[in-house]
Amino acid sequence: MIREGQDVRSSQPPLIDTSIVSPEYFHLLGMTLLRGRLFADQDLEDTPSIAVINLAAAGAGVGLLGALIVSHLMAGLLYGVAPTDLLTFSVVALVLTAVALAASYIPALRAMRLDPIITLHSE
């Protein structure tokens, strides 16, 4: 698949995936915006880009940074494990990410079973 602006000769996939959406994107999906601003009709190519960040990914990043800081304070309590053990941090991050994915999977299944036309007419 070739995306607009991607070099045809390049064999590497793009690093960032972008999508063009309408200003009603979040409303139609039934999502509430926690921070920032919604998309607007005035958004053009030369306006600053909008980044949508998954709350679970942001929480994992902040949690990992906090764990690195706190692990040095708890170094005396650890036995047989270095405070910055890469395997331990990786396994914990993967397990917590799996829990976040599992927690969002059930609501996603329920949403997939809804008929979009009936849902939009009910509002």
C-alpha atoms as a PDB file:
ATOM      1  CA  MET A   1       0.000   0.000   0.000  1.00  0.00           C
ATOM      2  CA  ILE A   2       1.394   3.410  -0.922  1.00  0.00           C
ATOM      3  CA  ARG A   3       0.362   6.460   1.070  1.00  0.00           C
ATOM      4  CA  GLU A   4       0.285  10.018  -0.204  1.00  0.00           C
ATOM      5  CA  GLY A   5       3.694  11.634   0.159  1.00  0.00           C
ATOM      6  CA  GLN A   6       5.472   8.302   0.636  1.00  0.00           C
ATOM      7  CA  ASP A   7       8.460   7.608  -1.582  1.00  0.00           C
ATOM      8  CA  VAL A   8       7.557   4.706  -3.881  1.00  0.00           C
ATOM      9  CA  ARG A   9      11.143   3.461  -3.844  1.00  0.00           C
ATOM     10  CA  SER A  10      11.205   3.292  -0.036  1.00  0.00           C
ATOM     11  CA  SER A  11      10.816  -0.199   1.382  1.00  0.00           C
ATOM     12  CA  GLN A  12      10.294   1.009   4.960  1.00  0.00           C
ATOM     13  CA  PRO A  13       6.792   1.715   6.250  1.00  0.00           C
ATOM     14  CA  PRO A  14       6.032   5.276   7.404  1.00  0.00           C
ATOM     15  CA  LEU A  15       6.858   6.089  11.021  1.00  0.00           C
ATOM     16  CA  ILE A  16       3.649   8.030  11.667  1.00  0.00           C
ATOM     17  CA  ASP A  17       0.186   7.056  10.499  1.00  0.00           C
ATOM     18  CA  THR A  18      -2.137   9.969   9.772  1.00  0.00           C
ATOM     19  CA  SER A  19      -5.844  10.129   9.070  1.00  0.00           C
ATOM     20  CA  ILE A  20      -8.066  12.898   7.792  1.00  0.00           C
ATOM     21  CA  VAL A  21     -11.263  13.219   9.823  1.00  0.00           C
ATOM     22  CA  SER A  22     -14.212  15.590  10.080  1.00  0.00           C
ATOM     23  CA  PRO A  23     -14.745  18.020  12.991  1.00  0.00           C
ATOM     24  CA  GLU A  24     -17.504  15.725  14.331  1.00  0.00           C
ATOM     25  CA  TYR A  25     -15.127  12.754  14.599  1.00  0.00           C
ATOM     26  CA  PHE A  26     -15.121  12.379  18.395  1.00  0.00           C
ATOM     27  CA  HIS A  27     -18.837  13.128  18.713  1.00  0.00           C
ATOM     28  CA  LEU A  28     -19.801  10.443  16.198  1.00  0.00           C
ATOM     29  CA  LEU A  29     -17.644   7.896  18.008  1.00  0.00           C
ATOM     30  CA  GLY A  30     -19.203   8.882  21.334  1.00  0.00           C
ATOM     31  CA  MET A  31     -15.827   9.838  22.788  1.00  0.00           C
ATOM     32  CA  THR A  32     -15.341  12.696  25.231  1.00  0.00           C
ATOM     33  CA  LEU A  33     -12.271  14.884  24.985  1.00  0.00           C
ATOM     34  CA  LEU A  34     -10.283  14.982  28.219  1.00  0.00           C
ATOM     35  CA  ARG A  35      -7.885  17.819  27.357  1.00  0.00           C
ATOM     36  CA  GLY A  36      -7.080  20.085  24.469  1.00  0.00           C
ATOM     37  CA  ARG A  37      -9.419  21.089  21.678  1.00  0.00           C
ATOM     38  CA  LEU A  38     -11.616  19.339  19.163  1.00  0.00           C
ATOM     39  CA  PHE A  39     -11.013  19.335  15.424  1.00  0.00           C
ATOM     40  CA  ALA A  40     -12.395  22.398  13.635  1.00  0.00           C
ATOM     41  CA  ASP A  41     -13.297  23.377  10.085  1.00  0.00           C
ATOM     42  CA  GLN A  42     -10.582  26.033  10.306  1.00  0.00           C
ATOM     43  CA  ASP A  43      -7.830  23.406  10.644  1.00  0.00           C
ATOM     44  CA  LEU A  44      -5.739  23.509   7.484  1.00  0.00           C
ATOM     45  CA  GLU A  45      -2.463  21.955   6.407  1.00  0.00           C
ATOM     46  CA  ASP A  46      -0.486  24.959   7.672  1.00  0.00           C
ATOM     47  CA  THR A  47      -2.104  25.019  11.143  1.00  0.00           C
ATOM     48  CA  PRO A  48      -0.340  23.204  14.007  1.00  0.00           C
ATOM     49  CA  SER A  49      -0.903  19.466  13.962  1.00  0.00           C
ATOM     50  CA  ILE A  50      -3.209  17.779  16.446  1.00  0.00           C
ATOM     51  CA  ALA A  51      -1.988  14.726  18.313  1.00  0.00           C
ATOM     52  CA  VAL A  52      -4.408  12.194  19.775  1.00  0.00           C
ATOM     53  CA  ILE A  53      -2.758  10.227  22.566  1.00  0.00           C
ATOM     54  CA  ASN A  54      -4.130   7.057  24.066  1.00  0.00           C
ATOM     55  CA  LEU A  55      -4.537   7.453  27.825  1.00  0.00           C
ATOM     56  CA  ALA A  56      -3.129   3.970  28.480  1.00  0.00           C
ATOM     57  CA  ALA A  57       0.028   4.686  26.450  1.00  0.00           C
ATOM     58  CA  ALA A  58       0.554   8.031  28.169  1.00  0.00           C
ATOM     59  CA  GLY A  59       0.022   6.392  31.563  1.00  0.00           C
ATOM     60  CA  ALA A  60       2.501   3.635  30.754  1.00  0.00           C
ATOM     61  CA  GLY A  61       5.139   6.193  29.786  1.00  0.00           C
ATOM     62  CA  VAL A  62       4.642   8.289  32.921  1.00  0.00           C
ATOM     63  CA  GLY A  63       4.507   5.159  35.071  1.00  0.00           C
ATOM     64  CA  LEU A  64       7.723   3.807  33.591  1.00  0.00           C
ATOM     65  CA  LEU A  65       9.498   7.089  34.250  1.00  0.00           C
ATOM     66  CA  GLY A  66       8.156   7.159  37.813  1.00  0.00           C
ATOM     67  CA  ALA A  67       9.222   3.566  38.368  1.00  0.00           C
ATOM     68  CA  LEU A  68      12.769   4.378  37.245  1.00  0.00           C
ATOM     69  CA  ILE A  69      12.929   7.237  39.741  1.00  0.00           C
ATOM     70  CA  VAL A  70      11.408   5.296  42.646  1.00  0.00           C
ATOM     71  CA  SER A  71      13.441   2.140  41.972  1.00  0.00           C
ATOM     72  CA  HIS A  72      16.623   3.893  43.076  1.00  0.00           C
ATOM     73  CA  LEU A  73      14.962   4.861  46.356  1.00  0.00           C
ATOM     74  CA  MET A  74      13.936   1.242  46.944  1.00  0.00           C
ATOM     75  CA  ALA A  75      17.281  -0.306  45.932  1.00  0.00           C
ATOM     76  CA  GLY A  76      17.931  -1.446  49.501  1.00  0.00           C
ATOM     77  CA  LEU A  77      14.691  -3.452  49.549  1.00  0.00           C
ATOM     78  CA  LEU A  78      15.397  -5.377  46.359  1.00  0.00           C
ATOM     79  CA  TYR A  79      17.087  -8.749  46.599  1.00  0.00           C
ATOM     80  CA  GLY A  80      18.694 -10.357  43.558  1.00  0.00           C
ATOM     81  CA  VAL A  81      17.364  -7.728  41.123  1.00  0.00           C
ATOM     82  CA  ALA A  82      19.053  -4.531  40.034  1.00  0.00           C
ATOM     83  CA  PRO A  83      16.955  -1.350  40.451  1.00  0.00           C
ATOM     84  CA  THR A  84      16.921  -0.800  36.687  1.00  0.00           C
ATOM     85  CA  ASP A  85      16.609  -4.408  35.516  1.00  0.00           C
ATOM     86  CA  LEU A  86      15.522  -4.205  31.871  1.00  0.00           C
ATOM     87  CA  LEU A  87      13.776  -7.592  31.871  1.00  0.00           C
ATOM     88  CA  THR A  88      11.663  -6.705  34.914  1.00  0.00           C
ATOM     89  CA  PHE A  89      10.659  -3.323  33.519  1.00  0.00           C
ATOM     90  CA  SER A  90       9.828  -4.857  30.127  1.00  0.00           C
ATOM     91  CA  VAL A  91       7.707  -7.668  31.562  1.00  0.00           C
ATOM     92  CA  VAL A  92       5.773  -5.329  33.864  1.00  0.00           C
ATOM     93  CA  ALA A  93       5.158  -2.852  31.021  1.00  0.00           C
ATOM     94  CA  LEU A  94       3.931  -5.671  28.750  1.00  0.00           C
ATOM     95  CA  VAL A  95       1.640  -7.110  31.421  1.00  0.00           C
ATOM     96  CA  LEU A  96       0.107  -3.719  32.203  1.00  0.00           C
ATOM     97  CA  THR A  97      -0.334  -2.996  28.496  1.00  0.00           C
ATOM     98  CA  ALA A  98      -2.059  -6.361  28.061  1.00  0.00           C
ATOM     99  CA  VAL A  99      -4.401  -5.523  30.954  1.00  0.00           C
ATOM    100  CA  ALA A 100      -5.241  -2.157  29.358  1.00  0.00           C
ATOM    101  CA  LEU A 101      -5.939  -3.834  26.014  1.00  0.00           C
ATOM    102  CA  ALA A 102      -8.116  -6.472  27.646  1.00  0.00           C
ATOM    103  CA  ALA A 103     -10.041  -3.773  29.527  1.00  0.00           C
ATOM    104  CA  SER A 104     -10.833  -1.975  26.271  1.00  0.00           C
ATOM    105  CA  TYR A 105     -11.572  -5.132  24.266  1.00  0.00           C
ATOM    106  CA  ILE A 106     -14.941  -5.921  25.874  1.00  0.00           C
ATOM    107  CA  PRO A 107     -16.450  -2.438  25.306  1.00  0.00           C
ATOM    108  CA  ALA A 108     -15.087  -2.511  21.751  1.00  0.00           C
ATOM    109  CA  LEU A 109     -16.882  -5.810  21.110  1.00  0.00           C
ATOM    110  CA  ARG A 110     -20.116  -4.322  22.410  1.00  0.00           C
ATOM    111  CA  ALA A 111     -19.690  -1.259  20.201  1.00  0.00           C
ATOM    112  CA  MET A 112     -19.073  -3.428  17.138  1.00  0.00           C
ATOM    113  CA  ARG A 113     -22.393  -5.194  17.649  1.00  0.00           C
ATOM    114  CA  LEU A 114     -24.355  -1.923  17.492  1.00  0.00           C
ATOM    115  CA  ASP A 115     -25.987  -0.840  14.270  1.00  0.00           C
ATOM    116  CA  PRO A 116     -24.550   2.635  13.492  1.00  0.00           C
ATOM    117  CA  ILE A 117     -27.730   3.865  11.793  1.00  0.00           C
ATOM    118  CA  ILE A 118     -29.911   2.981  14.771  1.00  0.00           C
ATOM    119  CA  THR A 119     -27.395   4.487  17.175  1.00  0.00           C
ATOM    120  CA  LEU A 120     -27.168   7.776  15.236  1.00  0.00           C
ATOM    121  CA  HIS A 121     -30.973   8.013  14.922  1.00  0.00           C
ATOM    122  CA  SER A 122     -31.408   7.561  18.675  1.00  0.00           C
ATOM    123  CA  GLU A 123     -29.589  10.835  19.410  1.00  0.00           C
END
